[in-house]
């Protein structure tokens, strides 16, 4: 079962293809999404990477959390489920 990771402190220039290659050292990457501002289209500095198994997700955290990526120190953790309602409701 795929496991989704939250990836914080991304450089604003990070591309999804680059993240896919970077996270592949920990295992099979099934999807990558860099979160972007709706109006400007610029990265918000975080995203999500989905690994094919929980073990690979843990491997990615062990290998890459706290490591430098394009001049920024990554913060990687298991993604929390999305809360319903959003916007403080």
Protein backbone atom coordinates (compact mmCIF):
# COMPACT_ATOMS: atom_id res chain seq x y z
CA UNK A 1 0.00 0.00 0.00
CA UNK A 2 1.43 3.42 -0.94
CA UNK A 3 2.60 5.76 1.81
CA UNK A 4 2.46 9.54 1.42
CA UNK A 5 5.22 11.77 2.76
CA UNK A 6 5.07 15.47 3.55
CA UNK A 7 8.17 17.26 2.26
CA UNK A 8 8.74 20.70 3.76
CA UNK A 9 11.27 23.47 3.25
CA UNK A 10 11.51 22.82 -0.48
CA UNK A 11 13.35 25.33 -2.61
CA UNK A 12 10.84 27.43 -4.54
CA UNK A 13 12.48 26.27 -7.78
CA UNK A 14 12.07 22.53 -7.05
CA UNK A 15 10.45 20.60 -9.91
CA UNK A 16 8.41 17.44 -9.49
CA UNK A 17 10.76 15.55 -11.84
CA UNK A 18 13.77 16.49 -9.68
CA UNK A 19 12.03 15.31 -6.51
CA UNK A 20 11.06 12.03 -8.19
CA UNK A 21 14.72 11.35 -9.02
CA UNK A 22 15.93 12.44 -5.57
CA UNK A 23 13.47 10.24 -3.66
CA UNK A 24 14.06 7.25 -5.97
CA UNK A 25 17.24 6.49 -4.00
CA UNK A 26 14.94 5.32 -1.19
CA UNK A 27 12.65 3.18 -3.36
CA UNK A 28 9.83 3.37 -5.88
CA UNK A 29 8.16 6.77 -6.11
CA UNK A 30 4.53 6.48 -7.24
CA UNK A 31 3.67 10.21 -7.33
CA UNK A 32 5.06 13.65 -6.58
CA UNK A 33 3.13 16.90 -6.07
CA UNK A 34 4.68 20.28 -5.35
CA UNK A 35 2.01 22.55 -3.84
CA UNK A 36 1.71 25.82 -5.76
CA UNK A 37 -0.02 29.12 -5.15
CA UNK A 38 -3.22 29.30 -7.22
CA UNK A 39 -2.72 32.88 -8.31
CA UNK A 40 1.01 33.10 -8.98
CA UNK A 41 1.71 29.45 -9.80
CA UNK A 42 4.83 29.67 -7.60
CA UNK A 43 5.75 26.83 -5.26
CA UNK A 44 4.66 27.30 -1.66
CA UNK A 45 7.81 25.51 -0.46
CA UNK A 46 6.27 22.14 0.35
CA UNK A 47 4.86 19.11 -1.36
CA UNK A 48 4.04 15.44 -1.13
CA UNK A 49 5.86 12.33 -2.33
CA UNK A 50 4.15 8.97 -2.39
CA UNK A 51 6.33 5.88 -2.02
CA UNK A 52 5.10 2.43 -3.05
CA UNK A 53 5.38 0.89 0.45
CA UNK A 54 5.52 1.96 4.10
CA UNK A 55 9.03 0.50 4.33
CA UNK A 56 10.23 2.68 1.44
CA UNK A 57 8.59 5.72 3.02
CA UNK A 58 10.46 5.03 6.27
CA UNK A 59 13.66 4.54 4.26
CA UNK A 60 13.12 7.94 2.59
CA UNK A 61 12.64 9.60 5.98
CA UNK A 62 15.79 7.94 7.35
CA UNK A 63 17.90 8.81 4.31
CA UNK A 64 16.65 12.27 3.40
CA UNK A 65 15.11 14.07 6.40
CA UNK A 66 17.43 16.88 7.46
CA UNK A 67 19.55 16.59 4.33
CA UNK A 68 20.33 19.54 2.09
CA UNK A 69 18.50 19.70 -1.24
CA UNK A 70 19.25 22.58 -3.62
CA UNK A 71 20.46 24.72 -0.73
CA UNK A 72 17.56 24.00 1.68
CA UNK A 73 17.34 21.52 4.56
CA UNK A 74 14.42 19.17 3.91
CA UNK A 75 11.84 18.30 6.56
CA UNK A 76 10.24 14.96 5.76
CA UNK A 77 7.54 13.11 7.70
CA UNK A 78 4.57 10.87 7.09
CA UNK A 79 1.71 12.97 5.74
CA UNK A 80 -1.30 13.37 8.00
CA UNK A 81 -4.74 12.67 6.56
CA UNK A 82 -6.41 15.76 5.16
CA UNK A 83 -8.91 17.32 7.56
CA UNK A 84 -12.44 17.96 6.35
CA UNK A 85 -13.72 21.51 6.17
CA UNK A 86 -10.40 23.36 5.94
CA UNK A 87 -9.96 27.10 6.53
CA UNK A 88 -10.54 26.72 10.29
CA UNK A 89 -14.12 25.50 10.03
